Amino acid sequence: MSKSKKTEAERFRKKIEVDEDGCWIWTGSRRGNYGSFRVDVNTVQASHRYAYERANGRKLKKGEIVLHLCDKPLCV
């Protein structure tokens, strides 16, 4: 019997813990001060950018930034 693969969204959510301020803090891999999420074999993306794109249904353009209103780099 083979294990069913987790979806991309399930893998992402598994790496989030909500802190006392209500921020969704990334607990997975990091690149510098920011979270890093392996979307697939060939794609690694900053976790906060990944979260923004999924929540807003659009890809960020090159040079666009995502601001953390809480000022916590690991907040997604």
PDB file of N, CA and C in Angstrom:
ATOM      1  N   MET A   1       0.850  -1.183   0.000  1.00  0.00           N
ATOM      2  CA  MET A   1       0.000   0.000   0.000  1.00  0.00           C
ATOM      3  C   MET A   1       0.892   1.242   0.000  1.00  0.00           C
ATOM      4  N   SER A   2       0.664   2.152  -0.911  1.00  0.00           N
ATOM      5  CA  SER A   2       1.496   3.353  -0.984  1.00  0.00           C
ATOM      6  C   SER A   2       0.869   4.500  -0.187  1.00  0.00           C
ATOM      7  N   LYS A   3       1.750   5.297   0.376  1.00  0.00           N
ATOM      8  CA  LYS A   3       1.285   6.474   1.110  1.00  0.00           C
ATOM      9  C   LYS A   3       0.807   7.532   0.118  1.00  0.00           C
ATOM     10  N   SER A   4      -0.241   8.238   0.473  1.00  0.00           N
ATOM     11  CA  SER A   4      -0.678   9.318  -0.409  1.00  0.00           C
ATOM     12  C   SER A   4       0.221  10.519  -0.177  1.00  0.00           C
ATOM     13  N   LYS A   5       0.567  11.197  -1.252  1.00  0.00           N
ATOM     14  CA  LYS A   5       1.417  12.379  -1.161  1.00  0.00           C
ATOM     15  C   LYS A   5       0.623  13.555  -0.633  1.00  0.00           C
ATOM     16  N   LYS A   6       1.275  14.353   0.208  1.00  0.00           N
ATOM     17  CA  LYS A   6       0.630  15.566   0.707  1.00  0.00           C
ATOM     18  C   LYS A   6       0.616  16.605  -0.401  1.00  0.00           C
ATOM     19  N   THR A   7      -0.415  17.413  -0.400  1.00  0.00           N
ATOM     20  CA  THR A   7      -0.477  18.482  -1.392  1.00  0.00           C
ATOM     21  C   THR A   7       0.533  19.565  -1.010  1.00  0.00           C
ATOM     22  N   GLU A   8       0.804  20.424  -1.947  1.00  0.00           N
ATOM     23  CA  GLU A   8       1.700  21.563  -1.718  1.00  0.00           C
ATOM     24  C   GLU A   8       1.189  22.402  -0.539  1.00  0.00           C
ATOM     25  N   ALA A   9      -0.112  22.679  -0.527  1.00  0.00           N
ATOM     26  CA  ALA A   9      -0.707  23.488   0.543  1.00  0.00           C
ATOM     27  C   ALA A   9      -0.573  22.795   1.896  1.00  0.00           C
ATOM     28  N   GLU A  10      -0.757  21.485   1.937  1.00  0.00           N
ATOM     29  CA  GLU A  10      -0.616  20.742   3.200  1.00  0.00           C
ATOM     30  C   GLU A  10       0.818  20.793   3.703  1.00  0.00           C
ATOM     31  N   ARG A  11       1.776  20.628   2.794  1.00  0.00           N
ATOM     32  CA  ARG A  11       3.187  20.707   3.188  1.00  0.00           C
ATOM     33  C   ARG A  11       3.520  22.093   3.728  1.00  0.00           C
ATOM     34  N   PHE A  12       2.978  23.131   3.101  1.00  0.00           N
ATOM     35  CA  PHE A  12       3.236  24.502   3.534  1.00  0.00           C
ATOM     36  C   PHE A  12       2.660  24.748   4.928  1.00  0.00           C
ATOM     37  N   ARG A  13       1.389  24.404   5.110  1.00  0.00           N
ATOM     38  CA  ARG A  13       0.713  24.655   6.400  1.00  0.00           C
ATOM     39  C   ARG A  13       1.366  23.916   7.558  1.00  0.00           C
ATOM     40  N   LYS A  14       1.942  22.769   7.282  1.00  0.00           N
ATOM     41  CA  LYS A  14       2.592  21.980   8.332  1.00  0.00           C
ATOM     42  C   LYS A  14       3.784  22.725   8.950  1.00  0.00           C
ATOM     43  N   LYS A  15       4.317  23.690   8.232  1.00  0.00           N
ATOM     44  CA  LYS A  15       5.507  24.412   8.693  1.00  0.00           C
ATOM     45  C   LYS A  15       5.179  25.786   9.288  1.00  0.00           C
ATOM     46  N   ILE A  16       3.945  25.963   9.748  1.00  0.00           N
ATOM     47  CA  ILE A  16       3.502  27.235  10.317  1.00  0.00           C
ATOM     48  C   ILE A  16       3.018  27.030  11.746  1.00  0.00           C
ATOM     49  N   GLU A  17       3.438  27.920  12.627  1.00  0.00           N
ATOM     50  CA  GLU A  17       2.917  27.967  13.995  1.00  0.00           C
ATOM     51  C   GLU A  17       2.429  29.386  14.250  1.00  0.00           C
ATOM     52  N   VAL A  18       1.266  29.512  14.874  1.00  0.00           N
ATOM     53  CA  VAL A  18       0.723  30.830  15.191  1.00  0.00           C
ATOM     54  C   VAL A  18       1.302  31.279  16.531  1.00  0.00           C
ATOM     55  N   ASP A  19       1.878  32.502  16.558  1.00  0.00           N
ATOM     56  CA  ASP A  19       2.464  32.999  17.804  1.00  0.00           C
ATOM     57  C   ASP A  19       1.449  33.780  18.629  1.00  0.00           C
ATOM     58  N   GLU A  20       1.896  34.326  19.752  1.00  0.00           N
ATOM     59  CA  GLU A  20       1.002  35.027  20.683  1.00  0.00           C
ATOM     60  C   GLU A  20       0.375  36.286  20.087  1.00  0.00           C
ATOM     61  N   ASP A  21       0.985  36.825  19.038  1.00  0.00           N
ATOM     62  CA  ASP A  21       0.441  38.011  18.368  1.00  0.00           C
ATOM     63  C   ASP A  21      -0.507  37.651  17.225  1.00  0.00           C
ATOM     64  N   GLY A  22      -0.652  36.363  16.967  1.00  0.00           N
ATOM     65  CA  GLY A  22      -1.505  35.925  15.870  1.00  0.00           C
ATOM     66  C   GLY A  22      -0.771  35.814  14.545  1.00  0.00           C
ATOM     67  N   CYS A  23       0.540  36.030  14.559  1.00  0.00           N
ATOM     68  CA  CYS A  23       1.336  35.903  13.332  1.00  0.00           C
ATOM     69  C   CYS A  23       1.547  34.440  12.997  1.00  0.00           C
ATOM     70  N   TRP A  24       1.554  34.139  11.708  1.00  0.00           N
ATOM     71  CA  TRP A  24       1.828  32.792  11.228  1.00  0.00           C
ATOM     72  C   TRP A  24       3.327  32.699  10.986  1.00  0.00           C
ATOM     73  N   ILE A  25       4.043  32.071  11.905  1.00  0.00           N
ATOM     74  CA  ILE A  25       5.502  32.019  11.873  1.00  0.00           C
ATOM     75  C   ILE A  25       5.987  30.760  11.158  1.00  0.00           C
ATOM     76  N   TRP A  26       6.870  30.965  10.197  1.00  0.00           N
ATOM     77  CA  TRP A  26       7.439  29.884   9.415  1.00  0.00           C
ATOM     78  C   TRP A  26       8.441  29.121  10.276  1.00  0.00           C
ATOM     79  N   THR A  27       8.290  27.790  10.332  1.00  0.00           N
ATOM     80  CA  THR A  27       9.190  26.957  11.130  1.00  0.00           C
ATOM     81  C   THR A  27      10.054  26.052  10.259  1.00  0.00           C
ATOM     82  N   GLY A  28       9.906  26.180   8.952  1.00  0.00           N
ATOM     83  CA  GLY A  28      10.667  25.342   8.019  1.00  0.00           C
ATOM     84  C   GLY A  28      12.037  25.926   7.728  1.00  0.00           C
ATOM     85  N   SER A  29      12.573  25.558   6.594  1.00  0.00           N
ATOM     86  CA  SER A  29      13.911  25.994   6.174  1.00  0.00           C
ATOM     87  C   SER A  29      13.986  27.500   6.054  1.00  0.00           C
ATOM     88  N   ARG A  30      15.224  27.987   6.139  1.00  0.00           N
ATOM     89  CA  ARG A  30      15.446  29.441   6.036  1.00  0.00           C
ATOM     90  C   ARG A  30      16.569  29.749   5.063  1.00  0.00           C
ATOM     91  N   ARG A  31      16.461  30.926   4.504  1.00  0.00           N
ATOM     92  CA  ARG A  31      17.556  31.544   3.741  1.00  0.00           C
ATOM     93  C   ARG A  31      17.757  32.890   4.402  1.00  0.00           C
ATOM     94  N   GLY A  32      18.820  33.016   5.145  1.00  0.00           N
ATOM     95  CA  GLY A  32      19.029  34.246   5.908  1.00  0.00           C
ATOM     96  C   GLY A  32      17.956  34.363   6.972  1.00  0.00           C
ATOM     97  N   ASN A  33      17.327  35.522   7.071  1.00  0.00           N
ATOM     98  CA  ASN A  33      16.292  35.768   8.080  1.00  0.00           C
ATOM     99  C   ASN A  33      14.893  35.340   7.640  1.00  0.00           C
ATOM    100  N   TYR A  34      14.746  34.925   6.386  1.00  0.00           N
ATOM    101  CA  TYR A  34      13.426  34.629   5.836  1.00  0.00           C
ATOM    102  C   TYR A  34      13.233  33.133   5.616  1.00  0.00           C
ATOM    103  N   GLY A  35      11.964  32.722   5.643  1.00  0.00           N
ATOM    104  CA  GLY A  35      11.637  31.332   5.382  1.00  0.00           C
ATOM    105  C   GLY A  35      11.817  30.978   3.921  1.00  0.00           C
ATOM    106  N   SER A  36      12.010  29.692   3.677  1.00  0.00           N
ATOM    107  CA  SER A  36      12.246  29.188   2.338  1.00  0.00           C
ATOM    108  C   SER A  36      11.419  27.916   2.154  1.00  0.00           C
ATOM    109  N   PHE A  37      10.638  27.848   1.080  1.00  0.00           N
ATOM    110  CA  PHE A  37       9.749  26.717   0.831  1.00  0.00           C
ATOM    111  C   PHE A  37      10.060  26.082  -0.512  1.00  0.00           C
ATOM    112  N   ARG A  38      10.289  24.764  -0.499  1.00  0.00           N
ATOM    113  CA  ARG A  38      10.523  24.041  -1.754  1.00  0.00           C
ATOM    114  C   ARG A  38       9.168  23.708  -2.361  1.00  0.00           C
ATOM    115  N   VAL A  39       8.831  24.432  -3.404  1.00  0.00           N
ATOM    116  CA  VAL A  39       7.548  24.259  -4.076  1.00  0.00           C
ATOM    117  C   VAL A  39       7.540  22.937  -4.838  1.00  0.00           C
ATOM    118  N   ASP A  40       8.616  22.672  -5.553  1.00  0.00           N
ATOM    119  CA  ASP A  40       8.780  21.409  -6.272  1.00  0.00           C
ATOM    120  C   ASP A  40      10.270  21.146  -6.424  1.00  0.00           C
ATOM    121  N   VAL A  41      10.606  20.123  -7.163  1.00  0.00           N
ATOM    122  CA  VAL A  41      12.005  19.721  -7.321  1.00  0.00           C
ATOM    123  C   VAL A  41      12.893  20.870  -7.811  1.00  0.00           C
ATOM    124  N   ASN A  42      12.361  21.722  -8.670  1.00  0.00           N
ATOM    125  CA  ASN A  42      13.166  22.782  -9.278  1.00  0.00           C
ATOM    126  C   ASN A  42      12.931  24.173  -8.711  1.00  0.00           C
ATOM    127  N   THR A  43      11.999  24.327  -7.776  1.00  0.00           N
ATOM    128  CA  THR A  43      11.610  25.668  -7.341  1.00  0.00           C
ATOM    129  C   THR A  43      11.636  25.809  -5.824  1.00  0.00           C
ATOM    130  N   VAL A  44      12.439  26.772  -5.356  1.00  0.00           N
ATOM    131  CA  VAL A  44      12.447  27.164  -3.948  1.00  0.00           C
ATOM    132  C   VAL A  44      12.036  28.623  -3.917  1.00  0.00           C
ATOM    133  N   GLN A  45      11.129  28.962  -3.022  1.00  0.00           N
ATOM    134  CA  GLN A  45      10.604  30.325  -2.969  1.00  0.00           C
ATOM    135  C   GLN A  45      10.587  30.812  -1.518  1.00  0.00           C
ATOM    136  N   ALA A  46      10.764  32.114  -1.330  1.00  0.00           N
ATOM    137  CA  ALA A  46      10.624  32.698   0.007  1.00  0.00           C
ATOM    138  C   ALA A  46       9.219  32.401   0.506  1.00  0.00           C
ATOM    139  N   SER A  47       9.108  31.901   1.724  1.00  0.00           N
ATOM    140  CA  SER A  47       7.807  31.447   2.227  1.00  0.00           C
ATOM    141  C   SER A  47       6.775  32.571   2.312  1.00  0.00           C
ATOM    142  N   HIS A  48       7.200  33.782   2.653  1.00  0.00           N
ATOM    143  CA  HIS A  48       6.233  34.880   2.743  1.00  0.00           C
ATOM    144  C   HIS A  48       5.730  35.286   1.353  1.00  0.00           C
ATOM    145  N   ARG A  49       6.573  35.182   0.347  1.00  0.00           N
ATOM    146  CA  ARG A  49       6.156  35.485  -1.017  1.00  0.00           C
ATOM    147  C   ARG A  49       5.201  34.398  -1.536  1.00  0.00           C
ATOM    148  N   TYR A  50       5.521  33.157  -1.218  1.00  0.00           N
ATOM    149  CA  TYR A  50       4.644  32.043  -1.593  1.00  0.00           C
ATOM    150  C   TYR A  50       3.255  32.254  -0.980  1.00  0.00           C
ATOM    151  N   ALA A  51       3.208  32.572   0.323  1.00  0.00           N
ATOM    152  CA  ALA A  51       1.934  32.784   1.020  1.00  0.00           C
ATOM    153  C   ALA A  51       1.153  33.935   0.390  1.00  0.00           C
ATOM    154  N   TYR A  52       1.843  35.017   0.080  1.00  0.00           N
ATOM    155  CA  TYR A  52       1.177  36.175  -0.533  1.00  0.00           C
ATOM    156  C   TYR A  52       0.546  35.780  -1.874  1.00  0.00           C
ATOM    157  N   GLU A  53       1.333  35.100  -2.710  1.00  0.00           N
ATOM    158  CA  GLU A  53       0.831  34.732  -4.037  1.00  0.00           C
ATOM    159  C   GLU A  53      -0.386  33.816  -3.946  1.00  0.00           C
ATOM    160  N   ARG A  54      -0.373  32.864  -3.030  1.00  0.00           N
ATOM    161  CA  ARG A  54      -1.507  31.952  -2.885  1.00  0.00           C
ATOM    162  C   ARG A  54      -2.720  32.679  -2.321  1.00  0.00           C
ATOM    163  N   ALA A  55      -2.515  33.562  -1.382  1.00  0.00           N
ATOM    164  CA  ALA A  55      -3.630  34.288  -0.756  1.00  0.00           C
ATOM    165  C   ALA A  55      -4.267  35.283  -1.718  1.00  0.00           C
ATOM    166  N   ASN A  56      -3.465  35.827  -2.639  1.00  0.00           N
ATOM    167  CA  ASN A  56      -3.960  36.877  -3.533  1.00  0.00           C
ATOM    168  C   ASN A  56      -4.195  36.401  -4.964  1.00  0.00           C
ATOM    169  N   GLY A  57      -3.861  35.158  -5.257  1.00  0.00           N
ATOM    170  CA  GLY A  57      -4.139  34.587  -6.570  1.00  0.00           C
ATOM    171  C   GLY A  57      -3.370  35.196  -7.715  1.00  0.00           C
ATOM    172  N   ARG A  58      -2.191  35.724  -7.415  1.00  0.00           N
ATOM    173  CA  ARG A  58      -1.371  36.273  -8.503  1.00  0.00           C
ATOM    174  C   ARG A  58       0.108  36.170  -8.161  1.00  0.00           C
ATOM    175  N   LYS A  59       0.915  36.052  -9.180  1.00  0.00           N
ATOM    176  CA  LYS A  59       2.366  36.003  -9.021  1.00  0.00           C
ATOM    177  C   LYS A  59       2.893  37.412  -8.794  1.00  0.00           C
ATOM    178  N   LEU A  60       3.871  37.523  -7.925  1.00  0.00           N
ATOM    179  CA  LEU A  60       4.539  38.807  -7.732  1.00  0.00           C
ATOM    180  C   LEU A  60       5.472  39.048  -8.911  1.00  0.00           C
ATOM    181  N   LYS A  61       5.576  40.289  -9.328  1.00  0.00           N
ATOM    182  CA  LYS A  61       6.488  40.655 -10.407  1.00  0.00           C
ATOM    183  C   LYS A  61       7.889  40.830  -9.846  1.00  0.00           C
ATOM    184  N   LYS A  62       8.876  40.682 -10.692  1.00  0.00           N
ATOM    185  CA  LYS A  62      10.259  40.895 -10.282  1.00  0.00           C
ATOM    186  C   LYS A  62      10.381  42.308  -9.712  1.00  0.00           C
ATOM    187  N   GLY A  63      10.979  42.421  -8.551  1.00  0.00           N
ATOM    188  CA  GLY A  63      11.150  43.726  -7.912  1.00  0.00           C
ATOM    189  C   GLY A  63      10.050  44.086  -6.931  1.00  0.00           C
ATOM    190  N   GLU A  64       8.885  43.434  -7.027  1.00  0.00           N
ATOM    191  CA  GLU A  64       7.813  43.684  -6.054  1.00  0.00           C
ATOM    192  C   GLU A  64       8.223  43.103  -4.709  1.00  0.00           C
ATOM    193  N   ILE A  65       7.840  43.796  -3.641  1.00  0.00           N
ATOM    194  CA  ILE A  65       8.168  43.316  -2.310  1.00  0.00           C
ATOM    195  C   ILE A  65       6.896  43.059  -1.512  1.00  0.00           C
ATOM    196  N   VAL A  66       7.022  42.211  -0.506  1.00  0.00           N
ATOM    197  CA  VAL A  66       5.929  41.915   0.418  1.00  0.00           C
ATOM    198  C   VAL A  66       6.368  42.448   1.770  1.00  0.00           C
ATOM    199  N   LEU A  67       5.601  43.380   2.309  1.00  0.00           N
ATOM    200  CA  LEU A  67       5.947  43.957   3.613  1.00  0.00           C
ATOM    201  C   LEU A  67       5.253  43.195   4.726  1.00  0.00           C
ATOM    202  N   HIS A  68       5.992  42.950   5.774  1.00  0.00           N
ATOM    203  CA  HIS A  68       5.438  42.329   6.975  1.00  0.00           C
ATOM    204  C   HIS A  68       5.010  43.476   7.895  1.00  0.00           C
ATOM    205  N   LEU A  69       3.722  43.698   8.026  1.00  0.00           N
ATOM    206  CA  LEU A  69       3.242  44.782   8.890  1.00  0.00           C
ATOM    207  C   LEU A  69       3.693  44.580  10.336  1.00  0.00           C
ATOM    208  N   CYS A  70       3.888  43.318  10.717  1.00  0.00           N
ATOM    209  CA  CYS A  70       4.340  42.999  12.070  1.00  0.00           C
ATOM    210  C   CYS A  70       5.858  43.151  12.201  1.00  0.00           C
ATOM    211  N   ASP A  71       6.553  43.280  11.084  1.00  0.00           N
ATOM    212  CA  ASP A  71       8.004  43.408  11.031  1.00  0.00           C
ATOM    213  C   ASP A  71       8.729  42.139  11.499  1.00  0.00           C
ATOM    214  N   LYS A  72       8.100  40.974  11.335  1.00  0.00           N
ATOM    215  CA  LYS A  72       8.709  39.697  11.672  1.00  0.00           C
ATOM    216  C   LYS A  72       9.044  38.972  10.370  1.00  0.00           C
ATOM    217  N   PRO A  73      10.311  38.862  10.027  1.00  0.00           N
ATOM    218  CA  PRO A  73      10.694  38.238   8.755  1.00  0.00           C
ATOM    219  C   PRO A  73      10.153  36.831   8.553  1.00  0.00           C
ATOM    220  N   LEU A  74       9.922  36.066   9.623  1.00  0.00           N
ATOM    221  CA  LEU A  74       9.421  34.700   9.476  1.00  0.00           C
ATOM    222  C   LEU A  74       7.908  34.618   9.418  1.00  0.00           C
ATOM    223  N   CYS A  75       7.225  35.745   9.501  1.00  0.00           N
ATOM    224  CA  CYS A  75       5.768  35.750   9.409  1.00  0.00           C
ATOM    225  C   CYS A  75       5.354  35.557   7.951  1.00  0.00           C
ATOM    226  N   VAL A  76       4.436  34.629   7.743  1.00  0.00           N
ATOM    227  CA  VAL A  76       3.926  34.403   6.391  1.00  0.00           C
ATOM    228  C   VAL A  76       2.472  34.828   6.293  1.00  0.00           C
TER     229      VAL A  76
END
